[in-house]
Amino acid sequence: MTTHTDKHPSKRTEQHAAMLEEALQRPGVRDVMKVYGEWQRADKGLDAYRTANKEGYVTTTTDHANAQ
């Protein structure tokens, strides 16, 4: 296991923060992200239903063969 003890954020982290800050300054982005977050939360709530509703595999067996 590797632990990072650096006190300085990585270049990627800094770029992400700058990009996020720039995006959030645009009109409507916060509203869209809020709606998207709510949709993700609601969609995740349906995971149990989706899992339970999956169709199982149907295995058909027979004790004879039809020669046609």
C-alpha atoms as a PDB file:
ATOM      1  CA  MET A   1       0.000   0.000   0.000  1.00  0.00           C
ATOM      2  CA  THR A   2       1.295   3.405  -0.940  1.00  0.00           C
ATOM      3  CA  THR A   3       0.513   6.470   1.078  1.00  0.00           C
ATOM      4  CA  HIS A   4       1.049   9.953  -0.214  1.00  0.00           C
ATOM      5  CA  THR A   5       2.441  12.355   2.316  1.00  0.00           C
ATOM      6  CA  ASP A   6       2.914  15.252  -0.085  1.00  0.00           C
ATOM      7  CA  LYS A   7       1.440  18.495   1.171  1.00  0.00           C
ATOM      8  CA  HIS A   8       1.252  19.913  -2.355  1.00  0.00           C
ATOM      9  CA  PRO A   9      -1.609  18.955  -4.677  1.00  0.00           C
ATOM     10  CA  SER A  10      -0.663  17.209  -7.893  1.00  0.00           C
ATOM     11  CA  LYS A  11      -0.723  19.021 -11.223  1.00  0.00           C
ATOM     12  CA  ARG A  12      -3.806  17.052 -12.235  1.00  0.00           C
ATOM     13  CA  THR A  13      -5.597  18.057  -9.026  1.00  0.00           C
ATOM     14  CA  GLU A  14      -4.757  21.700  -9.622  1.00  0.00           C
ATOM     15  CA  GLN A  15      -5.965  21.505 -13.240  1.00  0.00           C
ATOM     16  CA  HIS A  16      -9.193  19.843 -12.136  1.00  0.00           C
ATOM     17  CA  ALA A  17      -9.838  22.523  -9.531  1.00  0.00           C
ATOM     18  CA  ALA A  18      -9.188  25.297 -12.062  1.00  0.00           C
ATOM     19  CA  MET A  19     -11.441  23.693 -14.668  1.00  0.00           C
ATOM     20  CA  LEU A  20     -14.217  23.149 -12.130  1.00  0.00           C
ATOM     21  CA  GLU A  21     -13.984  26.729 -10.894  1.00  0.00           C
ATOM     22  CA  GLU A  22     -14.159  28.044 -14.462  1.00  0.00           C
ATOM     23  CA  ALA A  23     -17.159  25.858 -15.281  1.00  0.00           C
ATOM     24  CA  LEU A  24     -19.042  26.854 -12.146  1.00  0.00           C
ATOM     25  CA  GLN A  25     -18.734  30.523 -13.088  1.00  0.00           C
ATOM     26  CA  ARG A  26     -20.771  29.934 -16.234  1.00  0.00           C
ATOM     27  CA  PRO A  27     -24.502  30.573 -15.955  1.00  0.00           C
ATOM     28  CA  GLY A  28     -26.649  27.499 -15.464  1.00  0.00           C
ATOM     29  CA  VAL A  29     -23.841  25.024 -14.773  1.00  0.00           C
ATOM     30  CA  ARG A  30     -24.607  24.814 -11.052  1.00  0.00           C
ATOM     31  CA  ASP A  31     -28.288  24.201 -11.798  1.00  0.00           C
ATOM     32  CA  VAL A  32     -27.508  21.489 -14.333  1.00  0.00           C
ATOM     33  CA  MET A  33     -25.099  19.776 -11.945  1.00  0.00           C
ATOM     34  CA  LYS A  34     -27.709  19.881  -9.173  1.00  0.00           C
ATOM     35  CA  VAL A  35     -30.343  18.289 -11.432  1.00  0.00           C
ATOM     36  CA  TYR A  36     -27.838  15.696 -12.646  1.00  0.00           C
ATOM     37  CA  GLY A  37     -26.861  14.854  -9.061  1.00  0.00           C
ATOM     38  CA  GLU A  38     -30.494  14.396  -8.091  1.00  0.00           C
ATOM     39  CA  TRP A  39     -31.052  12.179 -11.124  1.00  0.00           C
ATOM     40  CA  GLN A  40     -28.039  10.039 -10.185  1.00  0.00           C
ATOM     41  CA  ARG A  41     -29.385   9.648  -6.647  1.00  0.00           C
ATOM     42  CA  ALA A  42     -32.849   8.677  -7.905  1.00  0.00           C
ATOM     43  CA  ASP A  43     -31.410   6.306 -10.510  1.00  0.00           C
ATOM     44  CA  LYS A  44     -29.233   4.588  -7.920  1.00  0.00           C
ATOM     45  CA  GLY A  45     -32.360   3.959  -5.874  1.00  0.00           C
ATOM     46  CA  LEU A  46     -33.648   1.769  -8.721  1.00  0.00           C
ATOM     47  CA  ASP A  47     -30.625  -0.555  -8.686  1.00  0.00           C
ATOM     48  CA  ALA A  48     -32.285  -3.016  -6.305  1.00  0.00           C
ATOM     49  CA  TYR A  49     -35.357  -3.173  -8.551  1.00  0.00           C
ATOM     50  CA  ARG A  50     -33.222  -3.701 -11.647  1.00  0.00           C
ATOM     51  CA  THR A  51     -31.306  -6.507  -9.973  1.00  0.00           C
ATOM     52  CA  ALA A  52     -34.486  -8.228  -8.801  1.00  0.00           C
ATOM     53  CA  ASN A  53     -36.196  -7.765 -12.153  1.00  0.00           C
ATOM     54  CA  LYS A  54     -33.492  -9.376 -14.281  1.00  0.00           C
ATOM     55  CA  GLU A  55     -34.736 -12.294 -16.280  1.00  0.00           C
ATOM     56  CA  GLY A  56     -33.100 -15.548 -15.332  1.00  0.00           C
ATOM     57  CA  TYR A  57     -31.735 -18.018 -17.793  1.00  0.00           C
ATOM     58  CA  VAL A  58     -34.219 -20.600 -19.048  1.00  0.00           C
ATOM     59  CA  THR A  59     -32.774 -24.056 -19.430  1.00  0.00           C
ATOM     60  CA  THR A  60     -34.924 -26.418 -21.435  1.00  0.00           C
ATOM     61  CA  THR A  61     -34.279 -30.128 -21.033  1.00  0.00           C
ATOM     62  CA  THR A  62     -35.923 -33.133 -22.609  1.00  0.00           C
ATOM     63  CA  ASP A  63     -35.666 -36.887 -22.412  1.00  0.00           C
ATOM     64  CA  HIS A  64     -36.066 -37.351 -26.172  1.00  0.00           C
ATOM     65  CA  ALA A  65     -34.934 -35.779 -29.422  1.00  0.00           C
ATOM     66  CA  ASN A  66     -37.231 -34.732 -32.203  1.00  0.00           C
ATOM     67  CA  ALA A  67     -35.981 -35.905 -35.572  1.00  0.00           C
ATOM     68  CA  GLN A  68     -37.545 -33.581 -38.087  1.00  0.00           C
END
